[in-house]
Every structure is written in C-alpha cells, then in structure tokens.
Amino acid sequence: MNVFEAIRTKRAVREFQDKPLPEETVHAILNAGRRSQSSKNTQAWQFIAIQDKETLKGLSTCGEWAGHIAGAALAVAILIPDPNEKFQHLIDCGQAAAFMQLAAWELGVGSCPASIYQPDKAREILKFPTEWHLRIALSFGFPLDAGVLTAPPKKGGRREFDDVVHWDRW
C-alpha cells in the first residue's frame, strides 16, 4: 500500500476482534511513531504500550469517548513534556500518532485516537512521572468488521478540495 492509498482509505476503527497483535506488528507500529518527525529532532516523547486488559479498561475511563480503548489489543499512550511550555510538543505528539496509525493500517490493523480528559487519573493508572503529560492515546487491533480494511472511501464523507484550500490568502 502506498502512502496516498493509506491516507485515502484510512478509517477510524473503534471495535476490535478479541485477538492479540503479533509482537512484530506491535514493534512496527511503535517504531513508526519513534521514527516520526519532531521539532528540531528533539524526539520529546515517550510511549507506553499497553496490552494488559485491566489497564486498557482503566485507561478507557479517562476520556468521554475513549471507550474503544477497552476492547483494543494494544493502546499507546503518547507522553510529552509540558505542552504549555512548548506547543510544538503537541504537534510532535500528533505526528507520532499519525505515523503509528498509518503504519498500522498498512499492516491490516485498525486504530482510533482518544483524547484523555482525565490526565491525573491516567497518571495514577499508568504510573508515569509528573514531568510527563498525557493528552492522547491510540487504540489498535484487528477490526471486528474486517471489511473496513478494503471498503472504498465513503462518498460525500470529506469536504471538497476548494472548500478547504485557499491560495496565497483567504
């Protein structure tokens, strides 16, 4: 699959098979995040790869729409230094998330981001140090509906090019 095809066909997957991901698949997904670009190549992130079912369930309660994490085979918590000190950390977090999700898609693995609205609760569950911050976690797994991997893009699901692109000025 080429990158443009992955971008064109990628879907958010929130329902997963009750099946673990192969270790090499987990490593490939995490490595894609590790290899993503970052501001001034600081690579100012840490990943917590979560496969324990109880921990997945706990983390799924840390965001209003994070319930899909409970059924995932893998969740990745993307930790960053204080985003209030350097907003680029949030951009870097997004880059790592996008790279991991596109790599997963190519490997036949679905994913979905979850906003973590209760970071203190997440810290308690995941036991990460206070200097690190968690705002986004990703769920991964084999889609419950495997057809989503080969389904054509939805018609009318995206805004038209000319509705979002402005040339030289607004």
N, C-alpha and C. Protein backbone atom coordinates (compact mmCIF):
# COMPACT_ATOMS: atom_id res chain seq x y z
N MET A 1 0.86 -1.17 0.00
CA MET A 1 0.00 0.00 0.00
C MET A 1 0.90 1.23 0.00
N ASN A 2 0.62 2.19 -0.88
CA ASN A 2 1.41 3.41 -0.84
C ASN A 2 0.79 4.41 0.13
N VAL A 3 1.52 5.46 0.45
CA VAL A 3 1.08 6.42 1.45
C VAL A 3 -0.23 7.09 1.04
N PHE A 4 -0.36 7.49 -0.21
CA PHE A 4 -1.58 8.15 -0.64
C PHE A 4 -2.79 7.24 -0.52
N GLU A 5 -2.61 5.96 -0.82
CA GLU A 5 -3.71 5.00 -0.69
C GLU A 5 -4.08 4.83 0.79
N ALA A 6 -3.09 4.78 1.65
CA ALA A 6 -3.36 4.67 3.09
C ALA A 6 -4.13 5.88 3.59
N ILE A 7 -3.73 7.06 3.17
CA ILE A 7 -4.42 8.29 3.58
C ILE A 7 -5.85 8.30 3.05
N ARG A 8 -6.02 7.87 1.81
CA ARG A 8 -7.35 7.89 1.17
C ARG A 8 -8.32 6.89 1.80
N THR A 9 -7.82 5.75 2.24
CA THR A 9 -8.71 4.69 2.72
C THR A 9 -8.78 4.55 4.24
N LYS A 10 -7.91 5.19 4.98
CA LYS A 10 -7.85 5.05 6.44
C LYS A 10 -9.17 5.42 7.09
N ARG A 11 -9.63 4.57 7.98
CA ARG A 11 -10.85 4.78 8.74
C ARG A 11 -10.54 4.70 10.23
N ALA A 12 -11.34 5.37 11.02
CA ALA A 12 -11.27 5.19 12.47
C ALA A 12 -11.96 3.87 12.78
N VAL A 13 -11.29 3.00 13.51
CA VAL A 13 -11.84 1.71 13.90
C VAL A 13 -11.95 1.71 15.42
N ARG A 14 -13.17 1.48 15.92
CA ARG A 14 -13.42 1.52 17.36
C ARG A 14 -13.85 0.17 17.93
N GLU A 15 -14.06 -0.81 17.06
CA GLU A 15 -14.46 -2.14 17.52
C GLU A 15 -13.45 -3.15 16.99
N PHE A 16 -12.93 -3.96 17.91
CA PHE A 16 -11.82 -4.84 17.58
C PHE A 16 -12.14 -6.30 17.88
N GLN A 17 -11.48 -7.18 17.15
CA GLN A 17 -11.54 -8.61 17.45
C GLN A 17 -10.83 -8.85 18.78
N ASP A 18 -11.28 -9.87 19.48
CA ASP A 18 -10.62 -10.25 20.73
C ASP A 18 -9.45 -11.16 20.37
N LYS A 19 -8.41 -10.54 19.85
CA LYS A 19 -7.26 -11.28 19.31
C LYS A 19 -6.02 -10.42 19.50
N PRO A 20 -4.95 -10.97 20.05
CA PRO A 20 -3.74 -10.16 20.25
C PRO A 20 -3.06 -9.85 18.91
N LEU A 21 -2.30 -8.78 18.91
CA LEU A 21 -1.49 -8.44 17.74
C LEU A 21 -0.16 -9.18 17.84
N PRO A 22 0.39 -9.64 16.73
CA PRO A 22 1.72 -10.26 16.77
C PRO A 22 2.76 -9.26 17.29
N GLU A 23 3.74 -9.77 17.99
CA GLU A 23 4.78 -8.92 18.57
C GLU A 23 5.46 -8.06 17.51
N GLU A 24 5.74 -8.62 16.33
CA GLU A 24 6.40 -7.84 15.29
C GLU A 24 5.51 -6.71 14.78
N THR A 25 4.20 -6.90 14.82
CA THR A 25 3.27 -5.85 14.42
C THR A 25 3.29 -4.72 15.44
N VAL A 26 3.26 -5.07 16.71
CA VAL A 26 3.33 -4.06 17.78
C VAL A 26 4.62 -3.26 17.65
N HIS A 27 5.72 -3.93 17.43
CA HIS A 27 7.01 -3.24 17.30
C HIS A 27 7.03 -2.34 16.07
N ALA A 28 6.46 -2.79 14.97
CA ALA A 28 6.42 -1.97 13.75
C ALA A 28 5.61 -0.70 13.98
N ILE A 29 4.48 -0.81 14.67
CA ILE A 29 3.63 0.35 14.96
C ILE A 29 4.40 1.33 15.84
N LEU A 30 4.98 0.84 16.92
CA LEU A 30 5.73 1.71 17.84
C LEU A 30 6.94 2.33 17.16
N ASN A 31 7.60 1.57 16.31
CA ASN A 31 8.76 2.10 15.61
C ASN A 31 8.37 3.21 14.64
N ALA A 32 7.19 3.10 14.04
CA ALA A 32 6.71 4.18 13.16
C ALA A 32 6.56 5.48 13.94
N GLY A 33 6.05 5.39 15.15
CA GLY A 33 5.96 6.59 16.00
C GLY A 33 7.32 7.12 16.39
N ARG A 34 8.21 6.22 16.70
CA ARG A 34 9.58 6.61 17.08
C ARG A 34 10.28 7.31 15.93
N ARG A 35 9.99 6.90 14.71
CA ARG A 35 10.65 7.45 13.53
C ARG A 35 9.98 8.72 13.01
N SER A 36 8.87 9.13 13.60
CA SER A 36 8.18 10.33 13.10
C SER A 36 9.02 11.57 13.33
N GLN A 37 8.72 12.60 12.57
CA GLN A 37 9.49 13.84 12.70
C GLN A 37 9.08 14.58 13.97
N SER A 38 9.98 15.42 14.44
CA SER A 38 9.70 16.21 15.63
C SER A 38 10.43 17.55 15.52
N SER A 39 9.94 18.50 16.26
CA SER A 39 10.52 19.84 16.26
C SER A 39 12.00 19.78 16.63
N LYS A 40 12.84 20.27 15.72
CA LYS A 40 14.30 20.31 15.93
C LYS A 40 14.86 18.93 16.28
N ASN A 41 14.18 17.88 15.83
CA ASN A 41 14.56 16.49 16.08
C ASN A 41 14.75 16.20 17.57
N THR A 42 13.93 16.84 18.41
CA THR A 42 14.05 16.62 19.85
C THR A 42 13.53 15.25 20.28
N GLN A 43 12.61 14.69 19.50
CA GLN A 43 12.02 13.39 19.84
C GLN A 43 11.56 13.39 21.30
N ALA A 44 10.88 14.45 21.66
CA ALA A 44 10.49 14.67 23.06
C ALA A 44 9.19 13.95 23.41
N TRP A 45 9.20 12.65 23.27
CA TRP A 45 8.02 11.85 23.59
C TRP A 45 8.47 10.56 24.25
N GLN A 46 7.55 9.95 24.91
CA GLN A 46 7.70 8.60 25.45
C GLN A 46 6.40 7.89 25.13
N PHE A 47 6.46 6.60 24.87
CA PHE A 47 5.27 5.81 24.58
C PHE A 47 5.10 4.76 25.66
N ILE A 48 3.88 4.58 26.11
CA ILE A 48 3.55 3.45 26.98
C ILE A 48 2.67 2.54 26.14
N ALA A 49 3.19 1.34 25.84
CA ALA A 49 2.45 0.34 25.07
C ALA A 49 1.68 -0.54 26.06
N ILE A 50 0.38 -0.54 25.95
CA ILE A 50 -0.48 -1.21 26.93
C ILE A 50 -1.21 -2.37 26.25
N GLN A 51 -1.03 -3.57 26.81
CA GLN A 51 -1.72 -4.75 26.31
C GLN A 51 -2.53 -5.45 27.40
N ASP A 52 -2.27 -5.11 28.65
CA ASP A 52 -2.98 -5.70 29.78
C ASP A 52 -4.45 -5.25 29.75
N LYS A 53 -5.37 -6.21 29.76
CA LYS A 53 -6.80 -5.92 29.61
C LYS A 53 -7.34 -5.01 30.71
N GLU A 54 -6.92 -5.22 31.94
CA GLU A 54 -7.40 -4.37 33.05
C GLU A 54 -6.91 -2.93 32.90
N THR A 55 -5.66 -2.79 32.47
CA THR A 55 -5.11 -1.44 32.27
C THR A 55 -5.81 -0.76 31.11
N LEU A 56 -6.10 -1.50 30.03
CA LEU A 56 -6.85 -0.94 28.90
C LEU A 56 -8.22 -0.46 29.36
N LYS A 57 -8.90 -1.27 30.16
CA LYS A 57 -10.22 -0.88 30.68
C LYS A 57 -10.11 0.38 31.53
N GLY A 58 -9.12 0.44 32.38
CA GLY A 58 -8.94 1.62 33.22
C GLY A 58 -8.69 2.88 32.41
N LEU A 59 -7.79 2.78 31.44
CA LEU A 59 -7.47 3.95 30.61
C LEU A 59 -8.69 4.39 29.80
N SER A 60 -9.55 3.45 29.43
CA SER A 60 -10.74 3.79 28.63
C SER A 60 -11.72 4.67 29.39
N THR A 61 -11.56 4.78 30.70
CA THR A 61 -12.45 5.63 31.51
C THR A 61 -11.89 7.04 31.70
N CYS A 62 -10.78 7.34 31.05
CA CYS A 62 -10.11 8.64 31.24
C CYS A 62 -10.49 9.67 30.19
N GLY A 63 -11.45 9.36 29.36
CA GLY A 63 -11.91 10.30 28.34
C GLY A 63 -13.34 9.97 27.98
N GLU A 64 -14.14 10.99 27.71
CA GLU A 64 -15.56 10.77 27.41
C GLU A 64 -15.80 9.79 26.28
N TRP A 65 -14.96 9.84 25.25
CA TRP A 65 -15.14 8.99 24.08
C TRP A 65 -13.96 8.04 23.90
N ALA A 66 -13.38 7.61 25.01
CA ALA A 66 -12.21 6.72 24.96
C ALA A 66 -12.58 5.26 25.18
N GLY A 67 -13.87 4.94 25.20
CA GLY A 67 -14.32 3.58 25.49
C GLY A 67 -13.74 2.52 24.58
N HIS A 68 -13.40 2.90 23.34
CA HIS A 68 -12.84 1.92 22.40
C HIS A 68 -11.51 1.33 22.87
N ILE A 69 -10.83 2.01 23.77
CA ILE A 69 -9.55 1.50 24.28
C ILE A 69 -9.76 0.18 25.02
N ALA A 70 -10.90 0.03 25.70
CA ALA A 70 -11.15 -1.17 26.49
C ALA A 70 -11.12 -2.44 25.65
N GLY A 71 -11.56 -2.38 24.41
CA GLY A 71 -11.61 -3.56 23.55
C GLY A 71 -10.41 -3.73 22.65
N ALA A 72 -9.44 -2.86 22.77
CA ALA A 72 -8.26 -2.90 21.89
C ALA A 72 -7.29 -4.01 22.30
N ALA A 73 -6.50 -4.45 21.35
CA ALA A 73 -5.41 -5.38 21.65
C ALA A 73 -4.20 -4.63 22.19
N LEU A 74 -4.11 -3.37 21.80
CA LEU A 74 -2.98 -2.51 22.17
C LEU A 74 -3.47 -1.08 22.26
N ALA A 75 -3.01 -0.38 23.26
CA ALA A 75 -3.18 1.07 23.30
C ALA A 75 -1.78 1.66 23.46
N VAL A 76 -1.59 2.83 22.88
CA VAL A 76 -0.33 3.54 23.03
C VAL A 76 -0.64 4.91 23.61
N ALA A 77 -0.14 5.15 24.81
CA ALA A 77 -0.23 6.46 25.44
C ALA A 77 0.99 7.24 24.99
N ILE A 78 0.75 8.42 24.41
CA ILE A 78 1.85 9.25 23.93
C ILE A 78 2.09 10.35 24.96
N LEU A 79 3.22 10.24 25.65
CA LEU A 79 3.56 11.19 26.70
C LEU A 79 4.49 12.27 26.14
N ILE A 80 4.25 13.50 26.57
CA ILE A 80 5.07 14.63 26.13
C ILE A 80 5.42 15.50 27.33
N PRO A 81 6.50 16.30 27.20
CA PRO A 81 6.77 17.30 28.24
C PRO A 81 5.63 18.32 28.25
N ASP A 82 5.62 19.18 29.20
CA ASP A 82 4.54 20.15 29.40
C ASP A 82 4.22 20.91 28.11
N PRO A 83 3.03 20.69 27.53
CA PRO A 83 2.68 21.38 26.29
C PRO A 83 2.47 22.89 26.48
N ASN A 84 2.28 23.33 27.72
CA ASN A 84 2.14 24.77 27.97
C ASN A 84 3.47 25.50 27.84
N GLU A 85 4.57 24.76 27.98
CA GLU A 85 5.89 25.37 27.85
C GLU A 85 6.35 25.44 26.40
N LYS A 86 5.92 24.46 25.59
CA LYS A 86 6.32 24.43 24.19
C LYS A 86 5.22 23.73 23.40
N PHE A 87 4.44 24.52 22.67
CA PHE A 87 3.29 23.96 21.95
C PHE A 87 3.70 22.95 20.89
N GLN A 88 4.96 23.00 20.43
CA GLN A 88 5.42 22.04 19.42
C GLN A 88 5.32 20.60 19.91
N HIS A 89 5.34 20.40 21.23
CA HIS A 89 5.21 19.04 21.75
C HIS A 89 3.88 18.43 21.32
N LEU A 90 2.82 19.25 21.26
CA LEU A 90 1.53 18.74 20.81
C LEU A 90 1.57 18.36 19.33
N ILE A 91 2.25 19.16 18.53
CA ILE A 91 2.40 18.85 17.11
C ILE A 91 3.18 17.55 16.95
N ASP A 92 4.26 17.41 17.70
CA ASP A 92 5.08 16.20 17.64
C ASP A 92 4.27 14.97 18.05
N CYS A 93 3.43 15.13 19.06
CA CYS A 93 2.56 14.05 19.51
C CYS A 93 1.62 13.64 18.37
N GLY A 94 1.06 14.62 17.68
CA GLY A 94 0.17 14.35 16.55
C GLY A 94 0.89 13.66 15.41
N GLN A 95 2.12 14.06 15.16
CA GLN A 95 2.92 13.41 14.12
C GLN A 95 3.14 11.94 14.45
N ALA A 96 3.54 11.67 15.69
CA ALA A 96 3.78 10.29 16.10
C ALA A 96 2.49 9.47 15.99
N ALA A 97 1.39 10.06 16.40
CA ALA A 97 0.10 9.37 16.32
C ALA A 97 -0.26 9.04 14.88
N ALA A 98 -0.09 10.00 13.98
CA ALA A 98 -0.43 9.77 12.57
C ALA A 98 0.46 8.69 11.96
N PHE A 99 1.75 8.74 12.23
CA PHE A 99 2.67 7.74 11.68
C PHE A 99 2.29 6.34 12.17
N MET A 100 1.99 6.21 13.46
CA MET A 100 1.62 4.90 14.00
C MET A 100 0.33 4.38 13.38
N GLN A 101 -0.65 5.26 13.22
CA GLN A 101 -1.94 4.83 12.65
C GLN A 101 -1.81 4.43 11.19
N LEU A 102 -1.02 5.16 10.42
CA LEU A 102 -0.83 4.79 9.01
C LEU A 102 -0.05 3.48 8.87
N ALA A 103 0.96 3.29 9.72
CA ALA A 103 1.70 2.03 9.69
C ALA A 103 0.78 0.87 10.05
N ALA A 104 -0.06 1.06 11.06
CA ALA A 104 -1.00 0.02 11.47
C ALA A 104 -1.95 -0.33 10.33
N TRP A 105 -2.47 0.69 9.66
CA TRP A 105 -3.42 0.48 8.57
C TRP A 105 -2.79 -0.39 7.48
N GLU A 106 -1.54 -0.09 7.15
CA GLU A 106 -0.86 -0.89 6.13
C GLU A 106 -0.73 -2.35 6.57
N LEU A 107 -0.63 -2.58 7.88
CA LEU A 107 -0.48 -3.94 8.42
C LEU A 107 -1.81 -4.62 8.68
N GLY A 108 -2.92 -3.98 8.27
CA GLY A 108 -4.23 -4.58 8.48
C GLY A 108 -4.78 -4.40 9.88
N VAL A 109 -4.27 -3.41 10.58
CA VAL A 109 -4.67 -3.13 11.96
C VAL A 109 -5.42 -1.81 12.01
N GLY A 110 -6.58 -1.82 12.65
CA GLY A 110 -7.36 -0.60 12.81
C GLY A 110 -6.90 0.18 14.03
N SER A 111 -7.28 1.46 14.06
CA SER A 111 -6.88 2.31 15.19
C SER A 111 -7.83 3.48 15.32
N CYS A 112 -7.76 4.12 16.47
CA CYS A 112 -8.54 5.33 16.70
C CYS A 112 -7.88 6.12 17.83
N PRO A 113 -7.77 7.44 17.67
CA PRO A 113 -7.24 8.25 18.78
C PRO A 113 -8.31 8.50 19.83
N ALA A 114 -7.86 8.71 21.05
CA ALA A 114 -8.74 9.06 22.16
C ALA A 114 -8.13 10.22 22.93
N SER A 115 -8.92 11.26 23.14
CA SER A 115 -8.47 12.36 23.98
C SER A 115 -8.58 11.94 25.44
N ILE A 116 -7.54 12.23 26.19
CA ILE A 116 -7.52 11.89 27.61
C ILE A 116 -7.88 13.16 28.38
N TYR A 117 -9.11 13.20 28.87
CA TYR A 117 -9.62 14.38 29.58
C TYR A 117 -9.36 14.32 31.08
N GLN A 118 -8.94 13.16 31.57
CA GLN A 118 -8.63 13.00 32.99
C GLN A 118 -7.18 12.54 33.13
N PRO A 119 -6.25 13.44 32.84
CA PRO A 119 -4.84 13.04 32.84
C PRO A 119 -4.32 12.59 34.21
N ASP A 120 -4.86 13.14 35.29
CA ASP A 120 -4.40 12.71 36.62
C ASP A 120 -4.82 11.27 36.89
N LYS A 121 -6.02 10.92 36.48
CA LYS A 121 -6.48 9.54 36.62
C LYS A 121 -5.63 8.61 35.76
N ALA A 122 -5.31 9.05 34.56
CA ALA A 122 -4.45 8.25 33.67
C ALA A 122 -3.06 8.07 34.29
N ARG A 123 -2.53 9.12 34.90
CA ARG A 123 -1.22 9.04 35.55
C ARG A 123 -1.25 8.00 36.68
N GLU A 124 -2.34 8.00 37.42
CA GLU A 124 -2.49 7.03 38.51
C GLU A 124 -2.51 5.59 37.97
N ILE A 125 -3.18 5.39 36.85
CA ILE A 125 -3.29 4.06 36.25
C ILE A 125 -1.96 3.61 35.65
N LEU A 126 -1.31 4.51 34.91
CA LEU A 126 -0.11 4.16 34.15
C LEU A 126 1.20 4.42 34.90
N LYS A 127 1.13 5.13 36.02
CA LYS A 127 2.29 5.35 36.89
C LYS A 127 3.45 6.10 36.22
N PHE A 128 3.14 7.07 35.35
CA PHE A 128 4.23 7.81 34.72
C PHE A 128 4.59 9.03 35.56
N PRO A 129 5.84 9.51 35.43
CA PRO A 129 6.33 10.62 36.26
C PRO A 129 5.58 11.92 36.01
N THR A 130 5.60 12.79 37.02
CA THR A 130 4.84 14.04 36.96
C THR A 130 5.33 15.01 35.89
N GLU A 131 6.57 14.88 35.43
CA GLU A 131 7.07 15.80 34.40
C GLU A 131 6.55 15.45 33.00
N TRP A 132 5.87 14.32 32.88
CA TRP A 132 5.30 13.90 31.60
C TRP A 132 3.79 14.14 31.60
N HIS A 133 3.25 14.40 30.40
CA HIS A 133 1.83 14.73 30.26
C HIS A 133 1.19 13.85 29.20
N LEU A 134 -0.04 13.45 29.47
CA LEU A 134 -0.77 12.59 28.55
C LEU A 134 -2.06 13.28 28.13
N ARG A 135 -2.20 13.50 26.82
CA ARG A 135 -3.41 14.11 26.27
C ARG A 135 -4.06 13.22 25.22
N ILE A 136 -3.29 12.27 24.65
CA ILE A 136 -3.83 11.41 23.61
C ILE A 136 -3.30 9.99 23.76
N ALA A 137 -4.20 9.05 23.54
CA ALA A 137 -3.84 7.63 23.48
C ALA A 137 -4.48 7.06 22.22
N LEU A 138 -3.87 6.04 21.68
CA LEU A 138 -4.37 5.39 20.47
C LEU A 138 -4.76 3.96 20.79
N SER A 139 -5.88 3.52 20.24
CA SER A 139 -6.26 2.11 20.35
C SER A 139 -5.92 1.41 19.05
N PHE A 140 -5.50 0.15 19.14
CA PHE A 140 -5.14 -0.64 17.96
C PHE A 140 -5.69 -2.06 18.11
N GLY A 141 -6.07 -2.64 17.00
CA GLY A 141 -6.49 -4.03 16.99
C GLY A 141 -6.98 -4.44 15.61
N PHE A 142 -7.17 -5.73 15.45
CA PHE A 142 -7.75 -6.20 14.20
C PHE A 142 -9.22 -5.80 14.20
N PRO A 143 -9.70 -5.13 13.14
CA PRO A 143 -11.09 -4.66 13.13
C PRO A 143 -12.09 -5.81 13.29
N LEU A 144 -13.13 -5.57 14.09
CA LEU A 144 -14.21 -6.54 14.23
C LEU A 144 -14.83 -6.82 12.87
N ASP A 145 -15.03 -5.75 12.09
CA ASP A 145 -15.51 -5.88 10.71
C ASP A 145 -14.29 -5.75 9.79
N ALA A 146 -13.74 -6.88 9.38
CA ALA A 146 -12.54 -6.87 8.54
C ALA A 146 -12.77 -6.17 7.21
N GLY A 147 -14.02 -6.06 6.77
CA GLY A 147 -14.34 -5.40 5.51
C GLY A 147 -13.97 -3.93 5.49
N VAL A 148 -13.82 -3.32 6.66
CA VAL A 148 -13.46 -1.90 6.72
C VAL A 148 -12.09 -1.66 6.08
N LEU A 149 -11.24 -2.68 6.11
CA LEU A 149 -9.88 -2.54 5.56
C LEU A 149 -9.87 -2.39 4.04
N THR A 150 -10.88 -2.91 3.38
CA THR A 150 -10.92 -2.86 1.92
C THR A 150 -12.09 -2.06 1.38
N ALA A 151 -12.88 -1.48 2.25
CA ALA A 151 -14.03 -0.70 1.82
C ALA A 151 -13.57 0.56 1.08
N PRO A 152 -14.26 0.94 0.01
CA PRO A 152 -13.89 2.18 -0.68
C PRO A 152 -14.22 3.38 0.22
N PRO A 153 -13.56 4.50 -0.02
CA PRO A 153 -13.88 5.70 0.76
C PRO A 153 -15.36 6.04 0.62
N LYS A 154 -15.94 6.56 1.68
CA LYS A 154 -17.35 6.94 1.66
C LYS A 154 -17.55 8.13 0.74
N LYS A 155 -18.58 8.08 -0.05
CA LYS A 155 -18.92 9.20 -0.94
C LYS A 155 -19.48 10.34 -0.09
N GLY A 156 -19.03 11.53 -0.38
CA GLY A 156 -19.52 12.70 0.34
C GLY A 156 -19.04 12.80 1.77
N GLY A 157 -18.07 11.96 2.16
CA GLY A 157 -17.60 11.96 3.54
C GLY A 157 -16.58 13.04 3.85
N ARG A 158 -16.00 13.62 2.81
CA ARG A 158 -14.97 14.64 3.02
C ARG A 158 -15.40 15.93 2.35
N ARG A 159 -15.02 17.04 2.91
CA ARG A 159 -15.29 18.33 2.27
C ARG A 159 -14.52 18.42 0.97
N GLU A 160 -15.04 19.17 0.04
CA GLU A 160 -14.40 19.35 -1.26
C GLU A 160 -13.09 20.12 -1.12
N PHE A 161 -12.15 19.83 -1.98
CA PHE A 161 -10.83 20.46 -2.00
C PHE A 161 -10.95 21.99 -1.96
N ASP A 162 -11.76 22.55 -2.85
CA ASP A 162 -11.87 24.01 -2.95
C ASP A 162 -12.59 24.64 -1.75
N ASP A 163 -13.23 23.82 -0.92
CA ASP A 163 -13.87 24.33 0.29
C ASP A 163 -12.88 24.52 1.43
N VAL A 164 -11.71 23.89 1.32
CA VAL A 164 -10.75 23.97 2.42
C VAL A 164 -9.41 24.58 2.04
N VAL A 165 -9.13 24.68 0.74
CA VAL A 165 -7.83 25.21 0.30
C VAL A 165 -8.00 26.63 -0.21
N HIS A 166 -7.20 27.53 0.32
CA HIS A 166 -7.17 28.93 -0.11
C HIS A 166 -5.77 29.20 -0.64
N TRP A 167 -5.66 29.87 -1.74
CA TRP A 167 -4.37 30.12 -2.37
C TRP A 167 -3.87 31.52 -2.05
N ASP A 168 -2.70 31.60 -1.50
CA ASP A 168 -1.97 32.84 -1.19
C ASP A 168 -2.58 33.67 -0.07
N ARG A 169 -3.88 33.76 0.02
CA ARG A 169 -4.54 34.46 1.12
C ARG A 169 -5.98 33.98 1.20
N TRP A 170 -6.67 34.34 2.23
CA TRP A 170 -8.04 33.90 2.44
C TRP A 170 -8.91 34.47 1.34
